[in-house]
Amino acid sequence: KKMSEDWSLLLCFFPSNWVELAAETDVLKKLRKDK
């Protein structure tokens, strides 16, 4: 099975603002790395 197929399936379960949530968590990870 292709990774892209699993990913598109997962996206169906994400909230509509998952892009914003992903961006926020990514920012938090970067902030933790800087410390």
N, C-alpha and C. Protein backbone atom coordinates (compact mmCIF):
# COMPACT_ATOMS: atom_id res chain seq x y z
N LYS A 1 0.84 -1.22 0.00
CA LYS A 1 0.00 0.00 0.00
C LYS A 1 0.87 1.25 0.00
N LYS A 2 0.45 2.22 -0.78
CA LYS A 2 1.22 3.46 -0.87
C LYS A 2 0.99 4.35 0.34
N MET A 3 2.03 5.07 0.72
CA MET A 3 1.91 5.99 1.86
C MET A 3 0.89 7.08 1.56
N SER A 4 0.88 7.55 0.32
CA SER A 4 -0.04 8.64 -0.05
C SER A 4 -1.50 8.21 0.11
N GLU A 5 -1.78 6.95 -0.13
CA GLU A 5 -3.16 6.46 0.02
C GLU A 5 -3.58 6.49 1.48
N ASP A 6 -2.68 6.04 2.36
CA ASP A 6 -2.98 6.07 3.79
C ASP A 6 -3.14 7.50 4.27
N TRP A 7 -2.29 8.39 3.74
CA TRP A 7 -2.31 9.79 4.17
C TRP A 7 -3.63 10.44 3.77
N SER A 8 -4.06 10.22 2.52
CA SER A 8 -5.32 10.83 2.06
C SER A 8 -6.49 10.30 2.88
N LEU A 9 -6.40 9.04 3.31
CA LEU A 9 -7.45 8.46 4.14
C LEU A 9 -7.46 9.13 5.51
N LEU A 10 -6.26 9.36 6.06
CA LEU A 10 -6.15 10.03 7.36
C LEU A 10 -6.72 11.44 7.29
N LEU A 11 -6.46 12.13 6.18
CA LEU A 11 -6.92 13.51 6.04
C LEU A 11 -8.44 13.60 6.15
N CYS A 12 -9.13 12.54 5.78
CA CYS A 12 -10.60 12.54 5.87
C CYS A 12 -11.06 12.70 7.31
N PHE A 13 -10.23 12.26 8.26
CA PHE A 13 -10.62 12.32 9.67
C PHE A 13 -10.14 13.58 10.37
N PHE A 14 -9.30 14.35 9.68
CA PHE A 14 -8.77 15.57 10.28
C PHE A 14 -9.85 16.65 10.36
N PRO A 15 -9.78 17.52 11.37
CA PRO A 15 -10.70 18.67 11.43
C PRO A 15 -10.40 19.62 10.28
N SER A 16 -11.34 20.48 9.97
CA SER A 16 -11.19 21.39 8.83
C SER A 16 -9.99 22.32 9.00
N ASN A 17 -9.60 22.58 10.26
CA ASN A 17 -8.49 23.51 10.51
C ASN A 17 -7.20 22.75 10.82
N TRP A 18 -7.07 21.52 10.28
CA TRP A 18 -5.89 20.70 10.58
C TRP A 18 -4.61 21.36 10.09
N VAL A 19 -4.70 22.15 9.03
CA VAL A 19 -3.51 22.82 8.52
C VAL A 19 -3.00 23.80 9.57
N GLU A 20 -3.92 24.56 10.17
CA GLU A 20 -3.54 25.52 11.21
C GLU A 20 -2.97 24.79 12.42
N LEU A 21 -3.62 23.69 12.80
CA LEU A 21 -3.16 22.91 13.95
C LEU A 21 -1.76 22.36 13.69
N ALA A 22 -1.52 21.87 12.50
CA ALA A 22 -0.21 21.33 12.14
C ALA A 22 0.84 22.42 12.20
N ALA A 23 0.48 23.61 11.72
CA ALA A 23 1.42 24.73 11.73
C ALA A 23 1.75 25.12 13.17
N GLU A 24 0.73 25.13 14.03
CA GLU A 24 0.95 25.50 15.44
C GLU A 24 1.86 24.49 16.13
N THR A 25 1.61 23.21 15.93
CA THR A 25 2.44 22.18 16.57
C THR A 25 3.86 22.24 16.03
N ASP A 26 4.00 22.56 14.75
CA ASP A 26 5.33 22.66 14.15
C ASP A 26 6.09 23.82 14.77
N VAL A 27 5.39 24.92 15.01
CA VAL A 27 6.01 26.09 15.64
C VAL A 27 6.44 25.74 17.06
N LEU A 28 5.58 25.02 17.77
CA LEU A 28 5.91 24.63 19.14
C LEU A 28 7.16 23.76 19.17
N LYS A 29 7.28 22.85 18.22
CA LYS A 29 8.45 21.98 18.15
C LYS A 29 9.71 22.80 17.93
N LYS A 30 9.62 23.79 17.03
CA LYS A 30 10.78 24.64 16.74
C LYS A 30 11.17 25.45 17.98
N LEU A 31 10.17 25.94 18.70
CA LEU A 31 10.46 26.73 19.90
C LEU A 31 11.17 25.87 20.94
N ARG A 32 10.74 24.63 21.09
CA ARG A 32 11.37 23.73 22.06
C ARG A 32 12.80 23.42 21.67
N LYS A 33 13.06 23.29 20.37
CA LYS A 33 14.41 22.99 19.89
C LYS A 33 15.35 24.16 20.16
N ASP A 34 14.83 25.38 20.04
CA ASP A 34 15.66 26.57 20.22
C ASP A 34 16.13 26.71 21.66
N LYS A 35 15.32 26.21 22.60
CA LYS A 35 15.67 26.36 24.02
C LYS A 35 16.85 25.47 24.40
